[in-house]
Amino acid sequence: MTLSFPNPNRSFDSDSHRILFWGYDNIIEVSFFLEIDALEKFNLEKTSSEAGFLKIFDNVRDKIYETADKVYTKSGKSIHAFILVAKDF
C-alpha cells in the first residue's frame, strides 16, 4: 500500500452527501471524499442517516482504504484530492 491512514477521523458533509477522510503519502496529505452512493453495496440496514453512513464507513474502512490507495496510485500521485464513487468499488 502506497498510502497510510494513521488518522482515523472522518466526517460527514451533509451538503455534498460525502464522507471526508485523509491518507498520507509520506508527509503529503491526500484528501478523499467518498460519495454516499458508493456505500450502497455495503448499506445492508438501508440507513439514510449521518450516523448510519459513518457506521458503514467504519465497518468497511479497510476496503475503502484499499480502494483509495488504488485510485491514488492510478492517478500518478500528482493529485491530492479525490472523489471516490461507486464504480471505484
N, C-alpha and C. Protein backbone atom coordinates (compact mmCIF):
# COMPACT_ATOMS: atom_id res chain seq x y z
N MET A 1 0.85 -1.18 0.00
CA MET A 1 0.00 0.00 0.00
C MET A 1 0.89 1.24 0.00
N THR A 2 0.66 2.13 -0.92
CA THR A 2 1.41 3.37 -1.02
C THR A 2 1.02 4.35 0.07
N LEU A 3 -0.26 4.45 0.34
CA LEU A 3 -0.76 5.39 1.34
C LEU A 3 -0.84 4.75 2.71
N SER A 4 -0.73 5.60 3.73
CA SER A 4 -1.04 5.15 5.08
C SER A 4 -2.23 5.97 5.56
N PHE A 5 -2.93 5.44 6.54
CA PHE A 5 -4.13 6.10 7.05
C PHE A 5 -4.05 6.15 8.58
N PRO A 6 -3.07 6.90 9.11
CA PRO A 6 -2.90 6.93 10.56
C PRO A 6 -3.97 7.76 11.28
N ASN A 7 -4.66 8.59 10.56
CA ASN A 7 -5.69 9.46 11.13
C ASN A 7 -7.05 8.79 10.92
N PRO A 8 -7.65 8.24 11.97
CA PRO A 8 -8.93 7.53 11.80
C PRO A 8 -10.14 8.46 11.69
N ASN A 9 -9.91 9.76 11.80
CA ASN A 9 -11.03 10.70 11.73
C ASN A 9 -11.66 10.69 10.35
N ARG A 10 -12.95 10.88 10.35
CA ARG A 10 -13.73 11.04 9.13
C ARG A 10 -14.90 11.91 9.50
N SER A 11 -15.43 12.61 8.52
CA SER A 11 -16.57 13.48 8.80
C SER A 11 -17.57 13.39 7.65
N PHE A 12 -18.81 13.68 7.98
CA PHE A 12 -19.88 13.62 7.00
C PHE A 12 -20.24 15.04 6.59
N ASP A 13 -20.24 15.29 5.30
CA ASP A 13 -20.65 16.59 4.76
C ASP A 13 -22.07 16.42 4.21
N SER A 14 -23.04 16.92 4.96
CA SER A 14 -24.44 16.71 4.57
C SER A 14 -24.82 17.50 3.32
N ASP A 15 -24.13 18.59 3.04
CA ASP A 15 -24.45 19.37 1.84
C ASP A 15 -24.07 18.62 0.56
N SER A 16 -22.92 17.98 0.57
CA SER A 16 -22.47 17.28 -0.64
C SER A 16 -22.72 15.76 -0.58
N HIS A 17 -23.24 15.27 0.53
CA HIS A 17 -23.51 13.84 0.73
C HIS A 17 -22.25 13.01 0.51
N ARG A 18 -21.19 13.42 1.22
CA ARG A 18 -19.90 12.74 1.12
C ARG A 18 -19.30 12.59 2.50
N ILE A 19 -18.44 11.60 2.62
CA ILE A 19 -17.63 11.43 3.81
C ILE A 19 -16.21 11.82 3.45
N LEU A 20 -15.63 12.66 4.27
CA LEU A 20 -14.26 13.13 4.07
C LEU A 20 -13.32 12.35 4.98
N PHE A 21 -12.20 11.89 4.41
CA PHE A 21 -11.14 11.26 5.20
C PHE A 21 -9.80 11.53 4.52
N TRP A 22 -8.71 11.19 5.21
CA TRP A 22 -7.39 11.56 4.73
C TRP A 22 -6.45 10.38 4.73
N GLY A 23 -5.57 10.37 3.74
CA GLY A 23 -4.48 9.42 3.67
C GLY A 23 -3.18 10.19 3.56
N TYR A 24 -2.06 9.51 3.74
CA TYR A 24 -0.76 10.16 3.68
C TYR A 24 0.20 9.36 2.83
N ASP A 25 0.89 10.07 1.95
CA ASP A 25 1.97 9.52 1.15
C ASP A 25 3.24 10.16 1.72
N ASN A 26 3.86 9.45 2.63
CA ASN A 26 4.94 10.02 3.44
C ASN A 26 4.40 11.23 4.18
N ILE A 27 4.85 12.44 3.84
CA ILE A 27 4.37 13.63 4.56
C ILE A 27 3.29 14.39 3.79
N ILE A 28 2.92 13.91 2.63
CA ILE A 28 1.91 14.58 1.81
C ILE A 28 0.52 14.09 2.21
N GLU A 29 -0.34 15.02 2.60
CA GLU A 29 -1.71 14.67 2.95
C GLU A 29 -2.56 14.61 1.68
N VAL A 30 -3.36 13.56 1.58
CA VAL A 30 -4.24 13.36 0.44
C VAL A 30 -5.67 13.30 0.97
N SER A 31 -6.53 14.17 0.45
CA SER A 31 -7.93 14.20 0.88
C SER A 31 -8.78 13.31 -0.01
N PHE A 32 -9.73 12.62 0.63
CA PHE A 32 -10.66 11.77 -0.10
C PHE A 32 -12.08 12.14 0.30
N PHE A 33 -12.94 12.18 -0.69
CA PHE A 33 -14.36 12.41 -0.49
C PHE A 33 -15.07 11.17 -1.01
N LEU A 34 -15.76 10.47 -0.14
CA LEU A 34 -16.45 9.25 -0.50
C LEU A 34 -17.92 9.56 -0.70
N GLU A 35 -18.40 9.39 -1.93
CA GLU A 35 -19.81 9.61 -2.24
C GLU A 35 -20.66 8.60 -1.47
N ILE A 36 -21.76 9.05 -0.90
CA ILE A 36 -22.65 8.17 -0.16
C ILE A 36 -23.16 7.04 -1.06
N ASP A 37 -23.39 7.33 -2.33
CA ASP A 37 -23.84 6.30 -3.27
C ASP A 37 -22.87 5.12 -3.34
N ALA A 38 -21.59 5.40 -3.10
CA ALA A 38 -20.57 4.34 -3.14
C ALA A 38 -20.73 3.37 -1.98
N LEU A 39 -21.41 3.79 -0.92
CA LEU A 39 -21.63 2.91 0.23
C LEU A 39 -22.83 2.00 0.07
N GLU A 40 -23.64 2.21 -0.96
CA GLU A 40 -24.89 1.47 -1.11
C GLU A 40 -24.71 -0.05 -1.09
N LYS A 41 -23.65 -0.56 -1.69
CA LYS A 41 -23.46 -2.01 -1.70
C LYS A 41 -23.14 -2.55 -0.32
N PHE A 42 -22.73 -1.67 0.60
CA PHE A 42 -22.42 -2.08 1.97
C PHE A 42 -23.53 -1.70 2.95
N ASN A 43 -24.57 -1.02 2.44
CA ASN A 43 -25.65 -0.48 3.27
C ASN A 43 -26.73 -1.54 3.49
N LEU A 44 -26.41 -2.54 4.29
CA LEU A 44 -27.31 -3.67 4.49
C LEU A 44 -28.54 -3.30 5.31
N GLU A 45 -28.42 -2.31 6.17
CA GLU A 45 -29.55 -1.89 7.00
C GLU A 45 -30.38 -0.80 6.33
N LYS A 46 -29.97 -0.37 5.15
CA LYS A 46 -30.66 0.67 4.37
C LYS A 46 -30.84 1.96 5.19
N THR A 47 -29.74 2.38 5.78
CA THR A 47 -29.75 3.61 6.57
C THR A 47 -29.70 4.82 5.65
N SER A 48 -30.16 5.94 6.15
CA SER A 48 -30.04 7.20 5.41
C SER A 48 -29.62 8.32 6.35
N SER A 49 -29.08 7.95 7.50
CA SER A 49 -28.66 8.96 8.48
C SER A 49 -27.15 9.15 8.49
N GLU A 50 -26.71 10.29 8.95
CA GLU A 50 -25.29 10.57 9.06
C GLU A 50 -24.60 9.51 9.92
N ALA A 51 -25.17 9.23 11.08
CA ALA A 51 -24.58 8.23 11.98
C ALA A 51 -24.51 6.86 11.30
N GLY A 52 -25.54 6.52 10.54
CA GLY A 52 -25.56 5.25 9.82
C GLY A 52 -24.47 5.16 8.77
N PHE A 53 -24.30 6.23 8.01
CA PHE A 53 -23.26 6.24 6.97
C PHE A 53 -21.87 6.16 7.59
N LEU A 54 -21.65 6.85 8.69
CA LEU A 54 -20.35 6.79 9.35
C LEU A 54 -20.09 5.39 9.92
N LYS A 55 -21.14 4.73 10.39
CA LYS A 55 -21.02 3.36 10.90
C LYS A 55 -20.64 2.41 9.76
N ILE A 56 -21.27 2.57 8.62
CA ILE A 56 -20.92 1.74 7.45
C ILE A 56 -19.46 1.98 7.08
N PHE A 57 -19.07 3.25 7.03
CA PHE A 57 -17.68 3.59 6.71
C PHE A 57 -16.74 2.83 7.65
N ASP A 58 -17.03 2.91 8.95
CA ASP A 58 -16.17 2.24 9.94
C ASP A 58 -16.14 0.73 9.73
N ASN A 59 -17.27 0.14 9.36
CA ASN A 59 -17.35 -1.31 9.17
C ASN A 59 -16.58 -1.79 7.95
N VAL A 60 -16.46 -0.95 6.93
CA VAL A 60 -15.75 -1.36 5.70
C VAL A 60 -14.52 -0.48 5.44
N ARG A 61 -14.00 0.09 6.50
CA ARG A 61 -12.86 1.01 6.41
C ARG A 61 -11.69 0.41 5.62
N ASP A 62 -11.35 -0.85 5.87
CA ASP A 62 -10.21 -1.46 5.17
C ASP A 62 -10.44 -1.49 3.66
N LYS A 63 -11.65 -1.84 3.24
CA LYS A 63 -11.98 -1.86 1.81
C LYS A 63 -11.92 -0.45 1.22
N ILE A 64 -12.40 0.53 1.96
CA ILE A 64 -12.36 1.92 1.49
C ILE A 64 -10.91 2.39 1.35
N TYR A 65 -10.08 2.08 2.35
CA TYR A 65 -8.67 2.46 2.28
C TYR A 65 -7.96 1.77 1.11
N GLU A 66 -8.26 0.51 0.90
CA GLU A 66 -7.67 -0.23 -0.23
C GLU A 66 -8.06 0.43 -1.56
N THR A 67 -9.32 0.78 -1.68
CA THR A 67 -9.81 1.43 -2.91
C THR A 67 -9.18 2.81 -3.07
N ALA A 68 -9.09 3.57 -2.00
CA ALA A 68 -8.47 4.90 -2.05
C ALA A 68 -7.02 4.78 -2.52
N ASP A 69 -6.31 3.80 -2.00
CA ASP A 69 -4.92 3.60 -2.39
C ASP A 69 -4.81 3.27 -3.88
N LYS A 70 -5.70 2.40 -4.38
CA LYS A 70 -5.68 2.04 -5.81
C LYS A 70 -5.96 3.26 -6.69
N VAL A 71 -6.95 4.05 -6.32
CA VAL A 71 -7.29 5.25 -7.10
C VAL A 71 -6.12 6.23 -7.07
N TYR A 72 -5.52 6.41 -5.93
CA TYR A 72 -4.38 7.32 -5.80
C TYR A 72 -3.20 6.84 -6.64
N THR A 73 -2.89 5.56 -6.56
CA THR A 73 -1.76 5.01 -7.30
C THR A 73 -1.97 5.14 -8.81
N LYS A 74 -3.19 4.88 -9.27
CA LYS A 74 -3.50 5.01 -10.71
C LYS A 74 -3.39 6.45 -11.20
N SER A 75 -3.55 7.41 -10.31
CA SER A 75 -3.53 8.82 -10.71
C SER A 75 -2.14 9.33 -11.04
N GLY A 76 -1.13 8.55 -10.70
CA GLY A 76 0.23 9.02 -10.90
C GLY A 76 0.70 9.87 -9.73
N LYS A 77 -0.10 9.95 -8.69
CA LYS A 77 0.23 10.64 -7.45
C LYS A 77 0.44 12.13 -7.60
N SER A 78 -0.13 12.71 -8.62
CA SER A 78 0.04 14.15 -8.82
C SER A 78 -1.15 14.96 -8.31
N ILE A 79 -2.20 14.26 -7.91
CA ILE A 79 -3.41 14.92 -7.42
C ILE A 79 -3.50 14.64 -5.92
N HIS A 80 -3.99 15.59 -5.16
CA HIS A 80 -4.03 15.43 -3.71
C HIS A 80 -5.43 15.54 -3.13
N ALA A 81 -6.44 15.39 -3.98
CA ALA A 81 -7.83 15.32 -3.52
C ALA A 81 -8.61 14.46 -4.52
N PHE A 82 -9.36 13.50 -3.99
CA PHE A 82 -10.07 12.55 -4.83
C PHE A 82 -11.50 12.38 -4.36
N ILE A 83 -12.37 12.10 -5.31
CA ILE A 83 -13.75 11.74 -5.00
C ILE A 83 -13.91 10.27 -5.38
N LEU A 84 -14.23 9.44 -4.38
CA LEU A 84 -14.47 8.03 -4.64
C LEU A 84 -15.95 7.82 -4.92
N VAL A 85 -16.23 7.12 -6.00
CA VAL A 85 -17.61 6.88 -6.43
C VAL A 85 -17.86 5.38 -6.50
N ALA A 86 -19.10 4.99 -6.70
CA ALA A 86 -19.49 3.58 -6.69
C ALA A 86 -18.66 2.73 -7.64
N LYS A 87 -18.37 3.22 -8.83
CA LYS A 87 -17.65 2.41 -9.81
C LYS A 87 -16.20 2.11 -9.37
N ASP A 88 -15.69 2.85 -8.39
CA ASP A 88 -14.34 2.59 -7.88
C ASP A 88 -14.29 1.31 -7.06
N PHE A 89 -15.46 0.86 -6.60
CA PHE A 89 -15.52 -0.35 -5.78
C PHE A 89 -15.91 -1.52 -6.64
